[in-house]
PDB file of N, CA and C in Angstrom:
ATOM      1  N   MET A   1      86.914 115.799  78.884  1.00  0.00           N
ATOM      2  CA  MET A   1      88.208 116.162  78.348  1.00  0.00           C
ATOM      3  C   MET A   1      88.731 115.012  77.493  1.00  0.00           C
ATOM      4  N   THR A   2      89.139 115.304  76.295  1.00  0.00           N
ATOM      5  CA  THR A   2      89.708 114.306  75.403  1.00  0.00           C
ATOM      6  C   THR A   2      91.217 114.254  75.616  1.00  0.00           C
ATOM      7  N   VAL A   3      91.747 113.046  75.721  1.00  0.00           N
ATOM      8  CA  VAL A   3      93.184 112.859  75.902  1.00  0.00           C
ATOM      9  C   VAL A   3      93.786 112.433  74.572  1.00  0.00           C
ATOM     10  N   ASN A   4      94.804 113.138  74.124  1.00  0.00           N
ATOM     11  CA  ASN A   4      95.519 112.780  72.905  1.00  0.00           C
ATOM     12  C   ASN A   4      96.703 111.912  73.307  1.00  0.00           C
ATOM     13  N   ALA A   5      96.541 110.607  73.174  1.00  0.00           N
ATOM     14  CA  ALA A   5      97.575 109.671  73.596  1.00  0.00           C
ATOM     15  C   ALA A   5      98.837 109.760  72.746  1.00  0.00           C
ATOM     16  N   TYR A   6      98.755 110.400  71.606  1.00  0.00           N
ATOM     17  CA  TYR A   6      99.890 110.473  70.687  1.00  0.00           C
ATOM     18  C   TYR A   6     100.553 111.846  70.651  1.00  0.00           C
ATOM     19  N   ARG A   7     100.186 112.707  71.539  1.00  0.00           N
ATOM     20  CA  ARG A   7     100.656 114.095  71.503  1.00  0.00           C
ATOM     21  C   ARG A   7     102.181 114.218  71.484  1.00  0.00           C
ATOM     22  N   PHE A   8     102.869 113.361  72.214  1.00  0.00           N
ATOM     23  CA  PHE A   8     104.314 113.516  72.366  1.00  0.00           C
ATOM     24  C   PHE A   8     105.123 112.487  71.577  1.00  0.00           C
ATOM     25  N   VAL A   9     104.484 111.797  70.635  1.00  0.00           N
ATOM     26  CA  VAL A   9     105.236 110.802  69.864  1.00  0.00           C
ATOM     27  C   VAL A   9     105.340 111.231  68.403  1.00  0.00           C
ATOM     28  N   ASP A  10     106.377 110.746  67.752  1.00  0.00           N
ATOM     29  CA  ASP A  10     106.581 111.081  66.345  1.00  0.00           C
ATOM     30  C   ASP A  10     105.594 110.305  65.470  1.00  0.00           C
ATOM     31  N   LYS A  11     105.514 110.659  64.187  1.00  0.00           N
ATOM     32  CA  LYS A  11     104.533 110.064  63.268  1.00  0.00           C
ATOM     33  C   LYS A  11     104.743 108.563  63.076  1.00  0.00           C
ATOM     34  N   ILE A  12     105.996 108.136  63.001  1.00  0.00           N
ATOM     35  CA  ILE A  12     106.275 106.708  62.797  1.00  0.00           C
ATOM     36  C   ILE A  12     105.796 105.905  64.001  1.00  0.00           C
ATOM     37  N   THR A  13     106.111 106.371  65.194  1.00  0.00           N
ATOM     38  CA  THR A  13     105.668 105.685  66.406  1.00  0.00           C
ATOM     39  C   THR A  13     104.146 105.651  66.468  1.00  0.00           C
ATOM     40  N   ARG A  14     103.528 106.757  66.145  1.00  0.00           N
ATOM     41  CA  ARG A  14     102.063 106.821  66.170  1.00  0.00           C
ATOM     42  C   ARG A  14     101.458 105.773  65.233  1.00  0.00           C
ATOM     43  N   LYS A  15     101.964 105.692  64.003  1.00  0.00           N
ATOM     44  CA  LYS A  15     101.432 104.715  63.046  1.00  0.00           C
ATOM     45  C   LYS A  15     101.648 103.284  63.546  1.00  0.00           C
ATOM     46  N   MET A  16     102.813 103.020  64.135  1.00  0.00           N
ATOM     47  CA  MET A  16     103.109 101.687  64.635  1.00  0.00           C
ATOM     48  C   MET A  16     102.153 101.311  65.776  1.00  0.00           C
ATOM     49  N   VAL A  17     101.958 102.213  66.720  1.00  0.00           N
ATOM     50  CA  VAL A  17     101.075 101.927  67.851  1.00  0.00           C
ATOM     51  C   VAL A  17      99.633 101.779  67.381  1.00  0.00           C
ATOM     52  N   GLU A  18      99.208 102.623  66.472  1.00  0.00           N
ATOM     53  CA  GLU A  18      97.844 102.505  65.936  1.00  0.00           C
ATOM     54  C   GLU A  18      97.640 101.151  65.257  1.00  0.00           C
ATOM     55  N   SER A  19      98.653 100.666  64.538  1.00  0.00           N
ATOM     56  CA  SER A  19      98.518  99.357  63.886  1.00  0.00           C
ATOM     57  C   SER A  19      98.487  98.237  64.927  1.00  0.00           C
ATOM     58  N   TRP A  20      99.280  98.351  65.998  1.00  0.00           N
ATOM     59  CA  TRP A  20      99.231  97.356  67.075  1.00  0.00           C
ATOM     60  C   TRP A  20      97.836  97.311  67.693  1.00  0.00           C
ATOM     61  N   ASN A  21      97.253  98.491  67.910  1.00  0.00           N
ATOM     62  CA  ASN A  21      95.944  98.561  68.554  1.00  0.00           C
ATOM     63  C   ASN A  21      94.847  97.923  67.708  1.00  0.00           C
ATOM     64  N   LYS A  22      95.029  97.856  66.397  1.00  0.00           N
ATOM     65  CA  LYS A  22      94.019  97.267  65.508  1.00  0.00           C
ATOM     66  C   LYS A  22      94.109  95.743  65.455  1.00  0.00           C
ATOM     67  N   LYS A  23      95.243  95.177  65.878  1.00  0.00           N
ATOM     68  CA  LYS A  23      95.413  93.723  65.826  1.00  0.00           C
ATOM     69  C   LYS A  23      94.566  93.054  66.904  1.00  0.00           C
ATOM     70  N   LYS A  24      94.064  91.888  66.566  1.00  0.00           N
ATOM     71  CA  LYS A  24      93.313  91.107  67.544  1.00  0.00           C
ATOM     72  C   LYS A  24      94.313  90.297  68.367  1.00  0.00           C
ATOM     73  N   PRO A  25      94.033  90.115  69.655  1.00  0.00           N
ATOM     74  CA  PRO A  25      94.945  89.306  70.468  1.00  0.00           C
ATOM     75  C   PRO A  25      95.005  87.865  69.947  1.00  0.00           C
ATOM     76  N   GLN A  26      96.168  87.246  70.056  1.00  0.00           N
ATOM     77  CA  GLN A  26      96.330  85.873  69.589  1.00  0.00           C
ATOM     78  C   GLN A  26      95.660  84.881  70.530  1.00  0.00           C
ATOM     79  N   ARG A  27      95.454  85.301  71.764  1.00  0.00           N
ATOM     80  CA  ARG A  27      94.773  84.443  72.733  1.00  0.00           C
ATOM     81  C   ARG A  27      94.032  85.331  73.716  1.00  0.00           C
ATOM     82  N   GLU A  28      93.150  84.736  74.439  1.00  0.00           N
ATOM     83  CA  GLU A  28      92.415  85.480  75.450  1.00  0.00           C
ATOM     84  C   GLU A  28      93.374  85.889  76.569  1.00  0.00           C
ATOM     85  N   PRO A  29      93.165  87.044  77.166  1.00  0.00           N
ATOM     86  CA  PRO A  29      94.019  87.436  78.291  1.00  0.00           C
ATOM     87  C   PRO A  29      93.885  86.435  79.441  1.00  0.00           C
ATOM     88  N   LEU A  30      94.978  86.245  80.145  1.00  0.00           N
ATOM     89  CA  LEU A  30      94.948  85.353  81.306  1.00  0.00           C
ATOM     90  C   LEU A  30      94.164  86.023  82.424  1.00  0.00           C
ATOM     91  N   TRP A  31      93.336  85.269  83.083  1.00  0.00           N
ATOM     92  CA  TRP A  31      92.523  85.819  84.161  1.00  0.00           C
ATOM     93  C   TRP A  31      92.341  84.742  85.217  1.00  0.00           C
ATOM     94  N   THR A  32      92.631  85.073  86.443  1.00  0.00           N
ATOM     95  CA  THR A  32      92.421  84.149  87.544  1.00  0.00           C
ATOM     96  C   THR A  32      91.239  84.634  88.360  1.00  0.00           C
ATOM     97  N   PRO A  33      90.199  83.823  88.478  1.00  0.00           N
ATOM     98  CA  PRO A  33      89.052  84.248  89.274  1.00  0.00           C
ATOM     99  C   PRO A  33      89.430  84.371  90.749  1.00  0.00           C
ATOM    100  N   LEU A  34      88.719  85.239  91.455  1.00  0.00           N
ATOM    101  CA  LEU A  34      88.958  85.380  92.890  1.00  0.00           C
ATOM    102  C   LEU A  34      88.631  84.077  93.597  1.00  0.00           C
ATOM    103  N   SER A  35      89.412  83.749  94.623  1.00  0.00           N
ATOM    104  CA  SER A  35      89.169  82.518  95.374  1.00  0.00           C
ATOM    105  C   SER A  35      88.196  82.733  96.528  1.00  0.00           C
ATOM    106  N   LYS A  36      87.843  83.985  96.791  1.00  0.00           N
ATOM    107  CA  LYS A  36      86.871  84.292  97.841  1.00  0.00           C
ATOM    108  C   LYS A  36      86.098  85.536  97.424  1.00  0.00           C
ATOM    109  N   PRO A  37      85.008  85.825  98.081  1.00  0.00           N
ATOM    110  CA  PRO A  37      84.226  87.006  97.714  1.00  0.00           C
ATOM    111  C   PRO A  37      85.026  88.295  97.900  1.00  0.00           C
ATOM    112  N   LEU A  38      84.761  89.267  97.059  1.00  0.00           N
ATOM    113  CA  LEU A  38      85.424  90.564  97.152  1.00  0.00           C
ATOM    114  C   LEU A  38      85.216  91.185  98.533  1.00  0.00           C
ATOM    115  N   SER A  39      84.085  90.901  99.140  1.00  0.00           N
ATOM    116  CA  SER A  39      83.788  91.448 100.471  1.00  0.00           C
ATOM    117  C   SER A  39      84.705  90.885 101.551  1.00  0.00           C
ATOM    118  N   GLU A  40      85.531  89.891 101.207  1.00  0.00           N
ATOM    119  CA  GLU A  40      86.501  89.325 102.149  1.00  0.00           C
ATOM    120  C   GLU A  40      87.943  89.651 101.750  1.00  0.00           C
ATOM    121  N   CYS A  41      88.112  90.393 100.685  1.00  0.00           N
ATOM    122  CA  CYS A  41      89.452  90.665 100.144  1.00  0.00           C
ATOM    123  C   CYS A  41      90.043  91.969 100.669  1.00  0.00           C
ATOM    124  N   THR A  42      91.359  91.997 100.786  1.00  0.00           N
ATOM    125  CA  THR A  42      92.102  93.227 101.033  1.00  0.00           C
ATOM    126  C   THR A  42      92.486  93.786  99.671  1.00  0.00           C
ATOM    127  N   VAL A  43      92.199  95.067  99.455  1.00  0.00           N
ATOM    128  CA  VAL A  43      92.387  95.669  98.135  1.00  0.00           C
ATOM    129  C   VAL A  43      93.420  96.795  98.206  1.00  0.00           C
ATOM    130  N   ALA A  44      94.366  96.765  97.276  1.00  0.00           N
ATOM    131  CA  ALA A  44      95.368  97.827  97.141  1.00  0.00           C
ATOM    132  C   ALA A  44      95.204  98.482  95.779  1.00  0.00           C
ATOM    133  N   CYS A  45      95.703  99.674  95.657  1.00  0.00           N
ATOM    134  CA  CYS A  45      95.640 100.429  94.406  1.00  0.00           C
ATOM    135  C   CYS A  45      97.015 100.369  93.734  1.00  0.00           C
ATOM    136  N   ILE A  46      97.046  99.841  92.529  1.00  0.00           N
ATOM    137  CA  ILE A  46      98.280  99.790  91.749  1.00  0.00           C
ATOM    138  C   ILE A  46      98.180 100.872  90.686  1.00  0.00           C
ATOM    139  N   ARG A  47      99.234 101.625  90.513  1.00  0.00           N
ATOM    140  CA  ARG A  47      99.147 102.765  89.604  1.00  0.00           C
ATOM    141  C   ARG A  47     100.404 102.883  88.742  1.00  0.00           C
ATOM    142  N   THR A  48     100.288 103.663  87.675  1.00  0.00           N
ATOM    143  CA  THR A  48     101.418 103.934  86.783  1.00  0.00           C
ATOM    144  C   THR A  48     101.616 105.433  86.620  1.00  0.00           C
ATOM    145  N   ALA A  49     101.187 106.196  87.599  1.00  0.00           N
ATOM    146  CA  ALA A  49     101.228 107.655  87.490  1.00  0.00           C
ATOM    147  C   ALA A  49     102.491 108.269  88.090  1.00  0.00           C
ATOM    148  N   ALA A  50     103.477 107.445  88.461  1.00  0.00           N
ATOM    149  CA  ALA A  50     104.744 107.944  89.018  1.00  0.00           C
ATOM    150  C   ALA A  50     104.509 108.834  90.233  1.00  0.00           C
ATOM    151  N   ILE A  51     103.733 108.333  91.178  1.00  0.00           N
ATOM    152  CA  ILE A  51     103.417 109.059  92.407  1.00  0.00           C
ATOM    153  C   ILE A  51     104.405 108.647  93.490  1.00  0.00           C
ATOM    154  N   ALA A  52     104.965 109.633  94.184  1.00  0.00           N
ATOM    155  CA  ALA A  52     105.910 109.368  95.269  1.00  0.00           C
ATOM    156  C   ALA A  52     105.683 110.373  96.394  1.00  0.00           C
ATOM    157  N   LEU A  53     105.958 109.936  97.611  1.00  0.00           N
ATOM    158  CA  LEU A  53     105.929 110.865  98.740  1.00  0.00           C
ATOM    159  C   LEU A  53     107.055 111.878  98.553  1.00  0.00           C
ATOM    160  N   HIS A  54     106.928 113.025  99.167  1.00  0.00           N
ATOM    161  CA  HIS A  54     107.935 114.085  98.998  1.00  0.00           C
ATOM    162  C   HIS A  54     109.340 113.640  99.396  1.00  0.00           C
ATOM    163  N   ASP A  55     109.458 112.765 100.407  1.00  0.00           N
ATOM    164  CA  ASP A  55     110.801 112.353 100.839  1.00  0.00           C
ATOM    165  C   ASP A  55     111.279 111.068 100.159  1.00  0.00           C
ATOM    166  N   ASP A  56     110.512 110.529  99.198  1.00  0.00           N
ATOM    167  CA  ASP A  56     110.946 109.362  98.423  1.00  0.00           C
ATOM    168  C   ASP A  56     111.926 109.785  97.328  1.00  0.00           C
ATOM    169  N   ALA A  57     112.678 108.811  96.843  1.00  0.00           N
ATOM    170  CA  ALA A  57     113.558 109.060  95.692  1.00  0.00           C
ATOM    171  C   ALA A  57     112.695 109.386  94.475  1.00  0.00           C
ATOM    172  N   PRO A  58     113.119 110.329  93.649  1.00  0.00           N
ATOM    173  CA  PRO A  58     112.334 110.662  92.451  1.00  0.00           C
ATOM    174  C   PRO A  58     112.378 109.520  91.431  1.00  0.00           C
ATOM    175  N   PHE A  59     111.406 109.501  90.544  1.00  0.00           N
ATOM    176  CA  PHE A  59     111.426 108.561  89.429  1.00  0.00           C
ATOM    177  C   PHE A  59     112.435 109.069  88.397  1.00  0.00           C
ATOM    178  N   ASP A  60     112.994 108.140  87.623  1.00  0.00           N
ATOM    179  CA  ASP A  60     114.033 108.466  86.640  1.00  0.00           C
ATOM    180  C   ASP A  60     113.402 109.033  85.371  1.00  0.00           C
ATOM    181  N   GLN A  61     113.388 110.338  85.261  1.00  0.00           N
ATOM    182  CA  GLN A  61     112.831 110.991  84.073  1.00  0.00           C
ATOM    183  C   GLN A  61     113.881 111.173  82.983  1.00  0.00           C
ATOM    184  N   GLU A  62     115.135 111.272  83.364  1.00  0.00           N
ATOM    185  CA  GLU A  62     116.188 111.544  82.376  1.00  0.00           C
ATOM    186  C   GLU A  62     116.334 110.409  81.371  1.00  0.00           C
ATOM    187  N   THR A  63     116.311 109.164  81.853  1.00  0.00           N
ATOM    188  CA  THR A  63     116.418 108.035  80.926  1.00  0.00           C
ATOM    189  C   THR A  63     115.231 108.019  79.978  1.00  0.00           C
ATOM    190  N   GLU A  64     114.036 108.322  80.499  1.00  0.00           N
ATOM    191  CA  GLU A  64     112.852 108.348  79.638  1.00  0.00           C
ATOM    192  C   GLU A  64     112.923 109.482  78.619  1.00  0.00           C
ATOM    193  N   ARG A  65     113.511 110.594  78.993  1.00  0.00           N
ATOM    194  CA  ARG A  65     113.665 111.692  78.025  1.00  0.00           C
ATOM    195  C   ARG A  65     114.587 111.278  76.876  1.00  0.00           C
ATOM    196  N   ARG A  66     115.631 110.499  77.199  1.00  0.00           N
ATOM    197  CA  ARG A  66     116.558 110.029  76.167  1.00  0.00           C
ATOM    198  C   ARG A  66     115.956 108.890  75.341  1.00  0.00           C
ATOM    199  N   ASP A  67     115.129 108.065  75.984  1.00  0.00           N
ATOM    200  CA  ASP A  67     114.538 106.899  75.323  1.00  0.00           C
ATOM    201  C   ASP A  67     113.052 106.840  75.651  1.00  0.00           C
ATOM    202  N   PRO A  68     112.196 107.432  74.811  1.00  0.00           N
ATOM    203  CA  PRO A  68     110.766 107.500  75.115  1.00  0.00           C
ATOM    204  C   PRO A  68     110.070 106.145  75.193  1.00  0.00           C
ATOM    205  N   TRP A  69     110.737 105.074  74.748  1.00  0.00           N
ATOM    206  CA  TRP A  69     110.150 103.737  74.858  1.00  0.00           C
ATOM    207  C   TRP A  69     110.358 103.158  76.248  1.00  0.00           C
ATOM    208  N   TRP A  70     111.160 103.821  77.058  1.00  0.00           N
ATOM    209  CA  TRP A  70     111.466 103.330  78.399  1.00  0.00           C
ATOM    210  C   TRP A  70     110.703 104.159  79.417  1.00  0.00           C
ATOM    211  N   GLY A  71     110.307 103.528  80.492  1.00  0.00           N
ATOM    212  CA  GLY A  71     109.703 104.237  81.612  1.00  0.00           C
ATOM    213  C   GLY A  71     110.199 103.603  82.893  1.00  0.00           C
ATOM    214  N   ASP A  72     110.436 104.392  83.905  1.00  0.00           N
ATOM    215  CA  ASP A  72     110.940 103.888  85.183  1.00  0.00           C
ATOM    216  C   ASP A  72     109.945 102.871  85.746  1.00  0.00           C
ATOM    217  N   PRO A  73     110.348 101.593  85.849  1.00  0.00           N
ATOM    218  CA  PRO A  73     109.419 100.563  86.313  1.00  0.00           C
ATOM    219  C   PRO A  73     109.347 100.439  87.832  1.00  0.00           C
ATOM    220  N   SER A  74     110.098 101.253  88.546  1.00  0.00           N
ATOM    221  CA  SER A  74     110.118 101.121  90.004  1.00  0.00           C
ATOM    222  C   SER A  74     108.819 101.640  90.617  1.00  0.00           C
ATOM    223  N   GLN A  75     108.642 101.338  91.870  1.00  0.00           N
ATOM    224  CA  GLN A  75     107.402 101.688  92.559  1.00  0.00           C
ATOM    225  C   GLN A  75     107.725 102.353  93.888  1.00  0.00           C
ATOM    226  N   ARG A  76     106.872 103.241  94.318  1.00  0.00           N
ATOM    227  CA  ARG A  76     106.982 103.869  95.628  1.00  0.00           C
ATOM    228  C   ARG A  76     105.736 103.491  96.415  1.00  0.00           C
ATOM    229  N   MET A  77     105.917 103.059  97.644  1.00  0.00           N
ATOM    230  CA  MET A  77     104.777 102.681  98.478  1.00  0.00           C
ATOM    231  C   MET A  77     104.120 103.946  99.031  1.00  0.00           C
ATOM    232  N   ILE A  78     102.811 103.998  98.913  1.00  0.00           N
ATOM    233  CA  ILE A  78     102.034 105.137  99.389  1.00  0.00           C
ATOM    234  C   ILE A  78     101.111 104.635 100.494  1.00  0.00           C
ATOM    235  N   PRO A  79     101.248 105.148 101.726  1.00  0.00           N
ATOM    236  CA  PRO A  79     100.382 104.692 102.817  1.00  0.00           C
ATOM    237  C   PRO A  79      98.924 105.094 102.591  1.00  0.00           C
ATOM    238  N   GLN A  80      98.021 104.246 103.042  1.00  0.00           N
ATOM    239  CA  GLN A  80      96.599 104.573 102.992  1.00  0.00           C
ATOM    240  C   GLN A  80      96.376 105.852 103.794  1.00  0.00           C
ATOM    241  N   GLY A  81      95.525 106.711 103.304  1.00  0.00           N
ATOM    242  CA  GLY A  81      95.243 107.973 103.984  1.00  0.00           C
ATOM    243  C   GLY A  81      96.086 109.132 103.490  1.00  0.00           C
ATOM    244  N   THR A  82      97.032 108.858 102.592  1.00  0.00           N
ATOM    245  CA  THR A  82      97.876 109.917 102.040  1.00  0.00           C
ATOM    246  C   THR A  82      97.020 110.882 101.220  1.00  0.00           C
ATOM    247  N   LYS A  83      97.331 112.157 101.314  1.00  0.00           N
ATOM    248  CA  LYS A  83      96.615 113.193 100.554  1.00  0.00           C
ATOM    249  C   LYS A  83      97.521 113.731  99.439  1.00  0.00           C
ATOM    250  N   GLY A  84      96.923 114.386  98.477  1.00  0.00           N
ATOM    251  CA  GLY A  84      97.660 114.918  97.336  1.00  0.00           C
ATOM    252  C   GLY A  84      98.768 115.882  97.714  1.00  0.00           C
ATOM    253  N   THR A  85      98.580 116.620  98.792  1.00  0.00           N
ATOM    254  CA  THR A  85      99.606 117.572  99.225  1.00  0.00           C
ATOM    255  C   THR A  85     100.857 116.875  99.748  1.00  0.00           C
ATOM    256  N   GLN A  86     100.780 115.570  99.985  1.00  0.00           N
ATOM    257  CA  GLN A  86     101.906 114.812 100.526  1.00  0.00           C
ATOM    258  C   GLN A  86     102.704 114.086  99.448  1.00  0.00           C
ATOM    259  N   VAL A  87     102.303 114.241  98.187  1.00  0.00           N
ATOM    260  CA  VAL A  87     102.966 113.507  97.112  1.00  0.00           C
ATOM    261  C   VAL A  87     103.440 114.433  96.005  1.00  0.00           C
ATOM    262  N   ARG A  88     104.275 113.862  95.165  1.00  0.00           N
ATOM    263  CA  ARG A  88     104.676 114.525  93.922  1.00  0.00           C
ATOM    264  C   ARG A  88     104.411 113.548  92.793  1.00  0.00           C
ATOM    265  N   CYS A  89     103.924 114.055  91.687  1.00  0.00           N
ATOM    266  CA  CYS A  89     103.699 113.240  90.491  1.00  0.00           C
ATOM    267  C   CYS A  89     104.866 113.483  89.535  1.00  0.00           C
ATOM    268  N   TRP A  90     105.648 112.436  89.276  1.00  0.00           N
ATOM    269  CA  TRP A  90     106.840 112.540  88.434  1.00  0.00           C
ATOM    270  C   TRP A  90     106.576 112.138  86.987  1.00  0.00           C
ATOM    271  N   HIS A  91     105.344 111.817  86.643  1.00  0.00           N
ATOM    272  CA  HIS A  91     105.019 111.329  85.299  1.00  0.00           C
ATOM    273  C   HIS A  91     105.285 112.420  84.266  1.00  0.00           C
ATOM    274  N   LEU A  92     105.942 112.057  83.176  1.00  0.00           N
ATOM    275  CA  LEU A  92     106.283 113.034  82.135  1.00  0.00           C
ATOM    276  C   LEU A  92     105.121 113.366  81.210  1.00  0.00           C
ATOM    277  N   HIS A  93     104.116 112.508  81.149  1.00  0.00           N
ATOM    278  CA  HIS A  93     103.094 112.661  80.118  1.00  0.00           C
ATOM    279  C   HIS A  93     101.705 112.989  80.650  1.00  0.00           C
ATOM    280  N   ILE A  94     101.599 113.266  81.929  1.00  0.00           N
ATOM    281  CA  ILE A  94     100.333 113.741  82.476  1.00  0.00           C
ATOM    282  C   ILE A  94     100.605 114.973  83.325  1.00  0.00           C
ATOM    283  N   ASP A  95      99.613 115.788  83.487  1.00  0.00           N
ATOM    284  CA  ASP A  95      99.737 116.983  84.324  1.00  0.00           C
ATOM    285  C   ASP A  95      99.601 116.551  85.780  1.00  0.00           C
ATOM    286  N   GLY A  96     100.706 116.497  86.481  1.00  0.00           N
ATOM    287  CA  GLY A  96     100.723 116.024  87.860  1.00  0.00           C
ATOM    288  C   GLY A  96     100.055 116.941  88.857  1.00  0.00           C
ATOM    289  N   SER A  97      99.788 118.169  88.478  1.00  0.00           N
ATOM    290  CA  SER A  97      99.181 119.108  89.429  1.00  0.00           C
ATOM    291  C   SER A  97      97.802 118.635  89.877  1.00  0.00           C
ATOM    292  N   HIS A  98      97.098 117.917  89.013  1.00  0.00           N
ATOM    293  CA  HIS A  98      95.776 117.414  89.388  1.00  0.00           C
ATOM    294  C   HIS A  98      95.897 116.388  90.512  1.00  0.00           C
ATOM    295  N   ALA A  99      96.847 115.469  90.390  1.00  0.00           N
ATOM    296  CA  ALA A  99      97.059 114.457  91.427  1.00  0.00           C
ATOM    297  C   ALA A  99      97.526 115.098  92.725  1.00  0.00           C
ATOM    298  N   GLU A 100      98.325 116.143  92.612  1.00  0.00           N
ATOM    299  CA  GLU A 100      98.825 116.812  93.807  1.00  0.00           C
ATOM    300  C   GLU A 100      97.728 117.611  94.500  1.00  0.00           C
ATOM    301  N   GLN A 101      96.678 117.976  93.778  1.00  0.00           N
ATOM    302  CA  GLN A 101      95.522 118.639  94.387  1.00  0.00           C
ATOM    303  C   GLN A 101      94.547 117.612  94.950  1.00  0.00           C
ATOM    304  N   ASP A 102      94.293 116.549  94.192  1.00  0.00           N
ATOM    305  CA  ASP A 102      93.349 115.512  94.610  1.00  0.00           C
ATOM    306  C   ASP A 102      93.893 114.160  94.168  1.00  0.00           C
ATOM    307  N   LEU A 103      94.517 113.469  95.094  1.00  0.00           N
ATOM    308  CA  LEU A 103      95.157 112.193  94.793  1.00  0.00           C
ATOM    309  C   LEU A 103      94.171 111.173  94.229  1.00  0.00           C
ATOM    310  N   ASN A 104      92.893 111.329  94.537  1.00  0.00           N
ATOM    311  CA  ASN A 104      91.885 110.377  94.063  1.00  0.00           C
ATOM    312  C   ASN A 104      91.785 110.309  92.542  1.00  0.00           C
ATOM    313  N   CYS A 105      92.273 111.315  91.832  1.00  0.00           N
ATOM    314  CA  CYS A 105      92.170 111.266  90.367  1.00  0.00           C
ATOM    315  C   CYS A 105      93.132 110.236  89.773  1.00  0.00           C
ATOM    316  N   VAL A 106      94.175 109.829  90.490  1.00  0.00           N
ATOM    317  CA  VAL A 106      95.076 108.776  90.008  1.00  0.00           C
ATOM    318  C   VAL A 106      95.160 107.590  90.964  1.00  0.00           C
ATOM    319  N   MET A 107      94.799 107.796  92.214  1.00  0.00           N
ATOM    320  CA  MET A 107      94.778 106.739  93.233  1.00  0.00           C
ATOM    321  C   MET A 107      93.513 106.922  94.069  1.00  0.00           C
ATOM    322  N   PRO A 108      92.442 106.252  93.737  1.00  0.00           N
ATOM    323  CA  PRO A 108      91.165 106.500  94.426  1.00  0.00           C
ATOM    324  C   PRO A 108      91.112 105.898  95.836  1.00  0.00           C
ATOM    325  N   LEU A 109      91.998 106.371  96.704  1.00  0.00           N
ATOM    326  CA  LEU A 109      92.078 105.829  98.059  1.00  0.00           C
ATOM    327  C   LEU A 109      90.824 106.119  98.871  1.00  0.00           C
ATOM    328  N   ASP A 110      90.256 107.305  98.709  1.00  0.00           N
ATOM    329  CA  ASP A 110      89.019 107.625  99.430  1.00  0.00           C
ATOM    330  C   ASP A 110      87.880 106.722  98.963  1.00  0.00           C
ATOM    331  N   ARG A 111      87.843 106.411  97.671  1.00  0.00           N
ATOM    332  CA  ARG A 111      86.792 105.519  97.160  1.00  0.00           C
ATOM    333  C   ARG A 111      86.970 104.112  97.722  1.00  0.00           C
ATOM    334  N   LEU A 112      88.215 103.657  97.866  1.00  0.00           N
ATOM    335  CA  LEU A 112      88.445 102.345  98.472  1.00  0.00           C
ATOM    336  C   LEU A 112      87.926 102.321  99.904  1.00  0.00           C
ATOM    337  N   GLU A 113      88.162 103.395 100.652  1.00  0.00           N
ATOM    338  CA  GLU A 113      87.646 103.479 102.028  1.00  0.00           C
ATOM    339  C   GLU A 113      86.123 103.378 102.034  1.00  0.00           C
ATOM    340  N   GLU A 114      85.472 104.043 101.089  1.00  0.00           N
ATOM    341  CA  GLU A 114      84.008 103.981 101.003  1.00  0.00           C
ATOM    342  C   GLU A 114      83.542 102.561 100.692  1.00  0.00           C
ATOM    343  N   LEU A 115      84.235 101.880  99.780  1.00  0.00           N
ATOM    344  CA  LEU A 115      83.875 100.501  99.451  1.00  0.00           C
ATOM    345  C   LEU A 115      84.024  99.591 100.664  1.00  0.00           C
ATOM    346  N   ALA A 116      85.076  99.795 101.446  1.00  0.00           N
ATOM    347  CA  ALA A 116      85.272  98.993 102.658  1.00  0.00           C
ATOM    348  C   ALA A 116      84.186  99.301 103.686  1.00  0.00           C
ATOM    349  N   LYS A 117      83.887 100.569 103.865  1.00  0.00           N
ATOM    350  CA  LYS A 117      82.854 100.979 104.828  1.00  0.00           C
ATOM    351  C   LYS A 117      81.495 100.385 104.462  1.00  0.00           C
ATOM    352  N   ASN A 118      81.211 100.300 103.161  1.00  0.00           N
ATOM    353  CA  ASN A 118      79.936  99.748 102.689  1.00  0.00           C
ATOM    354  C   ASN A 118      79.936  98.222 102.605  1.00  0.00           C
ATOM    355  N   GLY A 119      81.075  97.590 102.940  1.00  0.00           N
ATOM    356  CA  GLY A 119      81.153  96.133 102.918  1.00  0.00           C
ATOM    357  C   GLY A 119      81.332  95.527 101.539  1.00  0.00           C
ATOM    358  N   GLU A 120      81.608  96.350 100.544  1.00  0.00           N
ATOM    359  CA  GLU A 120      81.789  95.825  99.191  1.00  0.00           C
ATOM    360  C   GLU A 120      83.160  95.177  99.014  1.00  0.00           C
ATOM    361  N   ILE A 121      84.147  95.652  99.778  1.00  0.00           N
ATOM    362  CA  ILE A 121      85.457  94.990  99.855  1.00  0.00           C
ATOM    363  C   ILE A 121      85.725  94.710 101.328  1.00  0.00           C
ATOM    364  N   GLY A 122      86.610  93.760 101.590  1.00  0.00           N
ATOM    365  CA  GLY A 122      86.902  93.404 102.975  1.00  0.00           C
ATOM    366  C   GLY A 122      87.580  94.524 103.738  1.00  0.00           C
ATOM    367  N   ARG A 123      88.712  94.966 103.204  1.00  0.00           N
ATOM    368  CA  ARG A 123      89.418  96.086 103.820  1.00  0.00           C
ATOM    369  C   ARG A 123      90.369  96.698 102.805  1.00  0.00           C
ATOM    370  N   VAL A 124      90.851  97.876 103.147  1.00  0.00           N
ATOM    371  CA  VAL A 124      91.815  98.578 102.301  1.00  0.00           C
ATOM    372  C   VAL A 124      93.215  98.216 102.787  1.00  0.00           C
ATOM    373  N   ALA A 125      94.106  97.934 101.867  1.00  0.00           N
ATOM    374  CA  ALA A 125      95.490  97.624 102.224  1.00  0.00           C
ATOM    375  C   ALA A 125      96.131  98.830 102.913  1.00  0.00           C
ATOM    376  N   PRO A 126      97.063  98.599 103.823  1.00  0.00           N
ATOM    377  CA  PRO A 126      97.704  99.719 104.513  1.00  0.00           C
ATOM    378  C   PRO A 126      98.647 100.530 103.617  1.00  0.00           C
ATOM    379  N   ARG A 127      99.145  99.901 102.533  1.00  0.00           N
ATOM    380  CA  ARG A 127     100.050 100.572 101.593  1.00  0.00           C
ATOM    381  C   ARG A 127      99.641 100.212 100.172  1.00  0.00           C
ATOM    382  N   HIS A 128      99.966 101.116  99.251  1.00  0.00           N
ATOM    383  CA  HIS A 128      99.603 100.913  97.840  1.00  0.00           C
ATOM    384  C   HIS A 128     100.824 101.132  96.967  1.00  0.00           C
TER     385      HIS A 128
END
């Protein structure tokens, strides 16, 4: 499936973002190497898909509708073991029904469990 990243933006915004994407970074991205092997690390999943449990406060979509350059920067903690039927996807620009059917498409929690079981990571964080 091809994703059209510019589907919901006007022509001026599209041209501006396309020009930004063509620029080379002025410096290398900052990167801190791990201080211990991944097999000893606790790993959490960080996401930008606006996922929240059903009883959590919703993400602010109204401000984003008024100002498409803004997005709700807040986060909702999702316990390990949560399934798609237990969440709502509040993201305005992706079809949240996929995440609500299979949370692994935006938060690969089951894959993290497999990595921990296989010893590739130390353990899965209790919350994400």
